[in-house]
N, C-alpha and C. Protein backbone atom coordinates (compact mmCIF):
# COMPACT_ATOMS: atom_id res chain seq x y z
N UNK A 1 53.41 -69.07 -11.77
CA UNK A 1 51.99 -69.27 -11.92
C UNK A 1 51.65 -70.69 -11.74
N UNK A 2 50.76 -71.05 -10.88
CA UNK A 2 50.33 -72.37 -10.60
C UNK A 2 49.46 -73.00 -11.74
N UNK A 3 49.89 -74.11 -12.32
CA UNK A 3 49.21 -74.61 -13.43
C UNK A 3 48.23 -75.71 -13.03
N UNK A 4 48.64 -76.49 -12.12
CA UNK A 4 47.93 -77.65 -11.66
C UNK A 4 47.67 -77.56 -10.05
N UNK A 5 46.53 -77.70 -9.60
CA UNK A 5 46.21 -77.66 -8.17
C UNK A 5 45.47 -78.88 -7.75
N UNK A 6 46.29 -79.71 -7.04
CA UNK A 6 45.76 -81.03 -6.48
C UNK A 6 45.37 -80.85 -5.03
N UNK A 7 44.23 -81.68 -4.75
CA UNK A 7 43.76 -81.62 -3.44
C UNK A 7 43.04 -83.03 -3.20
N UNK A 8 42.65 -83.22 -1.93
CA UNK A 8 41.89 -84.42 -1.56
C UNK A 8 42.72 -85.50 -0.74
N UNK A 9 43.95 -85.29 -0.41
CA UNK A 9 44.61 -86.21 0.36
C UNK A 9 44.26 -86.11 1.83
N UNK A 10 44.75 -87.11 2.60
CA UNK A 10 44.42 -87.14 3.92
C UNK A 10 44.78 -88.44 4.73
N UNK A 11 44.34 -88.70 5.88
CA UNK A 11 44.52 -89.92 6.56
C UNK A 11 43.27 -90.78 6.45
N UNK A 12 43.49 -92.00 6.08
CA UNK A 12 42.32 -92.98 5.95
C UNK A 12 42.77 -94.31 6.53
N UNK A 13 41.88 -95.01 6.99
CA UNK A 13 42.09 -96.42 7.55
C UNK A 13 42.17 -97.39 6.39
N UNK A 14 42.89 -98.49 6.63
CA UNK A 14 42.86 -99.56 5.60
C UNK A 14 41.43 -99.99 5.18
N UNK A 15 41.34 -100.19 3.84
CA UNK A 15 39.96 -100.57 3.38
C UNK A 15 39.14 -99.39 2.99
N UNK A 16 39.55 -98.11 3.39
CA UNK A 16 38.82 -96.81 3.11
C UNK A 16 38.98 -96.40 1.72
N UNK A 17 38.45 -95.21 1.52
CA UNK A 17 38.42 -94.58 0.11
C UNK A 17 38.80 -93.05 0.28
N UNK A 18 39.38 -92.61 -0.77
CA UNK A 18 39.63 -91.10 -0.90
C UNK A 18 39.55 -90.73 -2.32
N UNK A 19 39.16 -89.54 -2.59
CA UNK A 19 39.10 -89.04 -3.94
C UNK A 19 40.04 -87.77 -4.13
N UNK A 20 40.97 -87.87 -5.02
CA UNK A 20 41.88 -86.88 -5.30
C UNK A 20 41.50 -85.91 -6.52
N UNK A 21 41.51 -84.75 -6.53
CA UNK A 21 41.23 -83.79 -7.60
C UNK A 21 42.37 -83.01 -8.03
N UNK A 22 42.46 -82.66 -9.30
CA UNK A 22 43.54 -81.79 -9.77
C UNK A 22 42.83 -80.84 -10.86
N UNK A 23 42.83 -79.61 -10.49
CA UNK A 23 42.26 -78.69 -11.42
C UNK A 23 43.37 -78.00 -12.27
N UNK A 24 43.15 -77.80 -13.52
CA UNK A 24 44.09 -77.26 -14.32
C UNK A 24 43.55 -76.13 -15.19
N UNK A 25 44.31 -75.26 -15.74
CA UNK A 25 43.87 -74.20 -16.70
C UNK A 25 43.33 -74.91 -17.90
N UNK A 26 42.27 -74.28 -18.55
CA UNK A 26 41.71 -74.92 -19.71
C UNK A 26 42.64 -75.19 -20.85
N UNK A 27 43.64 -74.31 -21.15
CA UNK A 27 44.56 -74.46 -22.14
C UNK A 27 45.49 -75.69 -21.95
N UNK A 28 45.73 -76.02 -20.64
CA UNK A 28 46.58 -77.26 -20.39
C UNK A 28 45.65 -78.52 -20.41
N UNK A 29 44.53 -78.29 -19.86
CA UNK A 29 43.64 -79.57 -19.70
C UNK A 29 43.26 -80.01 -21.13
N UNK A 30 42.89 -79.13 -21.99
CA UNK A 30 42.28 -79.52 -23.27
C UNK A 30 43.35 -80.10 -24.17
N UNK A 31 44.70 -79.92 -23.78
CA UNK A 31 45.72 -80.45 -24.84
C UNK A 31 46.55 -81.55 -24.20
N UNK A 32 46.32 -81.97 -23.00
CA UNK A 32 47.26 -82.89 -22.41
C UNK A 32 46.46 -84.17 -21.85
N UNK A 33 47.24 -85.23 -22.00
CA UNK A 33 46.95 -86.48 -21.27
C UNK A 33 47.26 -86.17 -19.77
N UNK A 34 46.45 -86.44 -18.89
CA UNK A 34 46.57 -86.23 -17.50
C UNK A 34 46.82 -87.51 -16.75
N UNK A 35 47.52 -87.39 -15.66
CA UNK A 35 47.76 -88.50 -14.90
C UNK A 35 48.19 -88.21 -13.55
N UNK A 36 48.21 -89.33 -12.68
CA UNK A 36 48.62 -89.32 -11.32
C UNK A 36 49.79 -90.20 -11.13
N UNK A 37 50.75 -89.55 -10.39
CA UNK A 37 52.08 -90.39 -10.03
C UNK A 37 52.00 -90.32 -8.42
N UNK A 38 52.71 -91.25 -7.88
CA UNK A 38 52.94 -91.21 -6.38
C UNK A 38 54.33 -91.53 -6.13
N UNK A 39 54.82 -91.09 -4.89
CA UNK A 39 56.17 -91.27 -4.42
C UNK A 39 56.06 -91.67 -2.91
N UNK A 40 56.36 -92.85 -2.67
CA UNK A 40 56.37 -93.32 -1.28
C UNK A 40 57.82 -93.01 -0.63
N UNK A 41 57.77 -92.87 0.70
CA UNK A 41 59.15 -92.66 1.33
C UNK A 41 60.21 -93.63 0.95
N UNK A 42 61.39 -93.10 0.48
CA UNK A 42 62.47 -93.92 0.10
C UNK A 42 62.35 -94.69 -1.26
N UNK A 43 61.25 -94.47 -1.98
CA UNK A 43 60.96 -94.98 -3.29
C UNK A 43 60.87 -94.02 -4.49
N UNK A 44 61.05 -94.60 -5.56
CA UNK A 44 61.05 -93.76 -6.78
C UNK A 44 59.56 -93.38 -7.11
N UNK A 45 59.39 -92.15 -7.82
CA UNK A 45 58.03 -91.76 -8.25
C UNK A 45 57.63 -92.70 -9.34
N UNK A 46 56.28 -93.22 -9.18
CA UNK A 46 55.69 -94.11 -10.11
C UNK A 46 54.46 -93.76 -10.61
N UNK A 47 54.15 -93.99 -11.90
CA UNK A 47 52.75 -93.73 -12.49
C UNK A 47 51.72 -94.56 -11.88
N UNK A 48 50.72 -94.02 -11.53
CA UNK A 48 49.52 -94.62 -10.93
C UNK A 48 48.47 -94.89 -11.93
N UNK A 49 48.11 -93.83 -12.75
CA UNK A 49 47.11 -93.88 -13.68
C UNK A 49 47.13 -92.71 -14.64
N UNK A 50 46.68 -92.95 -15.85
CA UNK A 50 46.64 -91.81 -16.73
C UNK A 50 45.31 -91.92 -17.59
N UNK A 51 44.96 -90.71 -18.15
CA UNK A 51 43.68 -90.63 -19.01
C UNK A 51 44.00 -89.62 -19.99
N UNK A 52 43.57 -89.87 -21.27
CA UNK A 52 43.85 -88.91 -22.31
C UNK A 52 42.44 -88.29 -22.73
N UNK A 53 42.61 -87.40 -23.69
CA UNK A 53 41.34 -86.62 -23.91
C UNK A 53 40.27 -87.41 -24.58
N UNK A 54 40.58 -88.54 -25.10
CA UNK A 54 39.59 -89.52 -25.62
C UNK A 54 39.13 -90.53 -24.63
N UNK A 55 39.48 -90.33 -23.38
CA UNK A 55 39.01 -91.14 -22.18
C UNK A 55 39.76 -92.52 -22.08
N UNK A 56 40.74 -92.66 -22.92
CA UNK A 56 41.53 -93.83 -22.78
C UNK A 56 42.31 -93.76 -21.33
N UNK A 57 42.26 -94.85 -20.74
CA UNK A 57 42.90 -94.97 -19.35
C UNK A 57 43.91 -96.21 -19.27
N UNK A 58 44.82 -95.87 -18.36
CA UNK A 58 45.80 -96.97 -18.07
C UNK A 58 46.15 -96.89 -16.68
N UNK A 59 46.50 -98.00 -16.04
CA UNK A 59 46.69 -98.11 -14.62
C UNK A 59 47.90 -98.96 -14.39
N UNK A 60 48.55 -98.64 -13.14
CA UNK A 60 49.62 -99.44 -12.66
C UNK A 60 48.94 -100.85 -12.19
N UNK A 61 49.63 -101.92 -12.31
CA UNK A 61 49.09 -103.07 -11.97
C UNK A 61 48.67 -103.17 -10.50
N UNK A 62 49.37 -102.45 -9.55
CA UNK A 62 49.06 -102.53 -8.18
C UNK A 62 47.81 -101.83 -7.90
N UNK A 63 47.27 -101.02 -8.64
CA UNK A 63 45.94 -100.28 -8.36
C UNK A 63 44.80 -100.63 -9.25
N UNK A 64 45.10 -101.50 -10.21
CA UNK A 64 43.99 -101.91 -11.11
C UNK A 64 42.88 -102.57 -10.28
N UNK A 65 41.66 -102.11 -10.65
CA UNK A 65 40.48 -102.67 -10.01
C UNK A 65 40.16 -101.97 -8.66
N UNK A 66 41.15 -101.15 -8.27
CA UNK A 66 40.80 -100.40 -6.94
C UNK A 66 40.70 -98.92 -7.11
N UNK A 67 41.50 -98.36 -8.08
CA UNK A 67 41.43 -96.92 -8.36
C UNK A 67 40.78 -96.64 -9.74
N UNK A 68 40.19 -95.57 -9.82
CA UNK A 68 39.62 -95.09 -11.11
C UNK A 68 39.94 -93.68 -11.44
N UNK A 69 40.50 -93.43 -12.57
CA UNK A 69 40.86 -92.00 -12.95
C UNK A 69 39.68 -91.59 -13.97
N UNK A 70 39.36 -90.37 -13.83
CA UNK A 70 38.34 -89.69 -14.59
C UNK A 70 38.68 -88.22 -14.80
N UNK A 71 38.11 -87.65 -15.91
CA UNK A 71 38.31 -86.18 -16.16
C UNK A 71 37.02 -85.66 -16.57
N UNK A 72 36.79 -84.36 -15.95
CA UNK A 72 35.51 -83.65 -16.19
C UNK A 72 36.03 -82.42 -17.10
N UNK A 73 35.70 -82.53 -18.31
CA UNK A 73 36.22 -81.48 -19.19
C UNK A 73 35.52 -80.12 -19.05
N UNK A 74 34.36 -80.12 -18.56
CA UNK A 74 33.65 -78.81 -18.23
C UNK A 74 34.30 -78.14 -17.09
N UNK A 75 34.98 -78.91 -16.21
CA UNK A 75 35.56 -78.37 -14.91
C UNK A 75 37.05 -78.27 -15.02
N UNK A 76 37.61 -78.90 -16.21
CA UNK A 76 39.02 -78.87 -16.27
C UNK A 76 39.75 -79.63 -15.12
N UNK A 77 39.16 -80.70 -14.85
CA UNK A 77 39.70 -81.37 -13.57
C UNK A 77 39.77 -82.80 -13.77
N UNK A 78 40.78 -83.41 -13.28
CA UNK A 78 41.04 -84.79 -13.36
C UNK A 78 40.89 -85.33 -11.88
N UNK A 79 40.27 -86.57 -11.70
CA UNK A 79 40.04 -87.20 -10.44
C UNK A 79 40.75 -88.45 -10.35
N UNK A 80 40.98 -88.95 -9.11
CA UNK A 80 41.49 -90.20 -8.87
C UNK A 80 40.62 -90.70 -7.70
N UNK A 81 39.74 -91.69 -7.96
CA UNK A 81 39.00 -92.23 -7.01
C UNK A 81 39.73 -93.47 -6.45
N UNK A 82 39.94 -93.55 -5.23
CA UNK A 82 40.87 -94.69 -4.63
C UNK A 82 40.11 -95.44 -3.55
N UNK A 83 39.74 -96.62 -3.93
CA UNK A 83 39.07 -97.61 -2.99
C UNK A 83 39.94 -98.65 -2.51
N UNK A 84 39.43 -99.36 -1.37
CA UNK A 84 40.19 -100.53 -0.85
C UNK A 84 41.76 -100.00 -0.58
N UNK A 85 41.88 -98.91 0.07
CA UNK A 85 43.27 -98.52 0.22
C UNK A 85 43.89 -99.39 1.24
N UNK A 86 45.23 -99.60 1.02
CA UNK A 86 46.07 -100.31 2.03
C UNK A 86 47.26 -99.53 2.31
N UNK A 87 47.95 -99.91 3.40
CA UNK A 87 49.17 -99.09 3.84
C UNK A 87 50.19 -98.90 2.72
N UNK A 88 50.30 -99.77 1.79
CA UNK A 88 51.26 -99.64 0.65
C UNK A 88 50.86 -98.51 -0.34
N UNK A 89 49.69 -98.00 -0.23
CA UNK A 89 49.28 -96.83 -0.96
C UNK A 89 49.69 -95.52 -0.41
N UNK A 90 50.28 -95.53 0.81
CA UNK A 90 50.80 -94.32 1.42
C UNK A 90 51.86 -93.66 0.57
N UNK A 91 51.59 -92.40 0.28
CA UNK A 91 52.64 -91.70 -0.65
C UNK A 91 52.12 -90.24 -0.85
N UNK A 92 52.91 -89.53 -1.42
CA UNK A 92 52.51 -88.23 -1.96
C UNK A 92 52.11 -88.41 -3.38
N UNK A 93 50.99 -87.99 -3.59
CA UNK A 93 50.34 -88.16 -4.99
C UNK A 93 50.52 -86.86 -5.66
N UNK A 94 50.95 -87.00 -7.04
CA UNK A 94 51.25 -85.74 -7.85
C UNK A 94 50.40 -85.87 -9.10
N UNK A 95 49.78 -84.83 -9.38
CA UNK A 95 49.12 -84.68 -10.67
C UNK A 95 50.10 -84.21 -11.78
N UNK A 96 49.94 -84.77 -13.01
CA UNK A 96 50.91 -84.53 -14.06
C UNK A 96 50.12 -84.21 -15.40
N UNK A 97 50.62 -83.28 -16.07
CA UNK A 97 50.17 -82.96 -17.47
C UNK A 97 51.39 -83.45 -18.36
N UNK A 98 51.04 -84.45 -19.23
CA UNK A 98 52.17 -85.11 -19.85
C UNK A 98 52.80 -84.23 -20.93
N UNK A 99 52.01 -83.74 -21.86
CA UNK A 99 52.61 -82.95 -22.95
C UNK A 99 53.20 -81.64 -22.47
N UNK A 100 52.67 -80.96 -21.52
CA UNK A 100 53.20 -79.73 -21.07
C UNK A 100 54.25 -79.99 -20.00
N UNK A 101 54.46 -81.17 -19.50
CA UNK A 101 55.32 -81.64 -18.43
C UNK A 101 55.20 -80.80 -17.25
N UNK A 102 53.90 -80.45 -16.85
CA UNK A 102 53.73 -79.70 -15.60
C UNK A 102 53.41 -80.78 -14.52
N UNK A 103 53.75 -80.41 -13.30
CA UNK A 103 53.51 -81.22 -12.09
C UNK A 103 52.65 -80.40 -11.20
N UNK A 104 51.74 -81.04 -10.48
CA UNK A 104 51.08 -80.47 -9.26
C UNK A 104 51.97 -80.51 -8.10
N UNK A 105 51.54 -79.80 -7.02
CA UNK A 105 52.34 -79.67 -5.83
C UNK A 105 52.44 -81.02 -5.04
N UNK A 106 51.53 -81.81 -5.23
CA UNK A 106 51.47 -83.08 -4.39
C UNK A 106 50.70 -83.00 -3.22
N UNK A 107 49.93 -84.10 -2.98
CA UNK A 107 49.06 -84.21 -1.90
C UNK A 107 49.30 -85.49 -1.13
N UNK A 108 49.41 -85.54 0.13
CA UNK A 108 49.77 -86.68 0.95
C UNK A 108 48.59 -87.53 1.23
N UNK A 109 48.78 -88.95 0.98
CA UNK A 109 47.75 -89.89 1.30
C UNK A 109 48.40 -90.73 2.27
N UNK A 110 47.75 -90.93 3.53
CA UNK A 110 48.32 -91.80 4.54
C UNK A 110 47.27 -92.84 4.82
N UNK A 111 47.60 -94.03 4.65
CA UNK A 111 46.70 -95.18 5.04
C UNK A 111 47.24 -95.89 6.26
N UNK A 112 46.54 -95.76 7.31
CA UNK A 112 46.92 -96.30 8.64
C UNK A 112 45.82 -96.43 9.65
N UNK A 113 45.94 -97.46 10.41
CA UNK A 113 45.02 -97.62 11.43
C UNK A 113 45.31 -96.96 12.78
């Protein structure tokens, strides 16, 4: 049973924007801190951003000021707005529910001209 469904990846030019979405079941969303990780080719998976039920957020230094994580409790969805993208942001992005330890399938973001 799929618990987290991520979407929104694609190809974008440097300097462009994308928004990722991750829909979760209500039972997961309401009880979990939600986050986004990414894994670039040949690199370890890294935390990009997280948000808890109280709207506390935290970001990786590399994306601070460019990415914004948010959650819509009515839609059980977490978003990652990515602006000023650069080639170093190219990776597969994974949604994560921390307490339940669920992972989304991953969505590919490619930043290239």
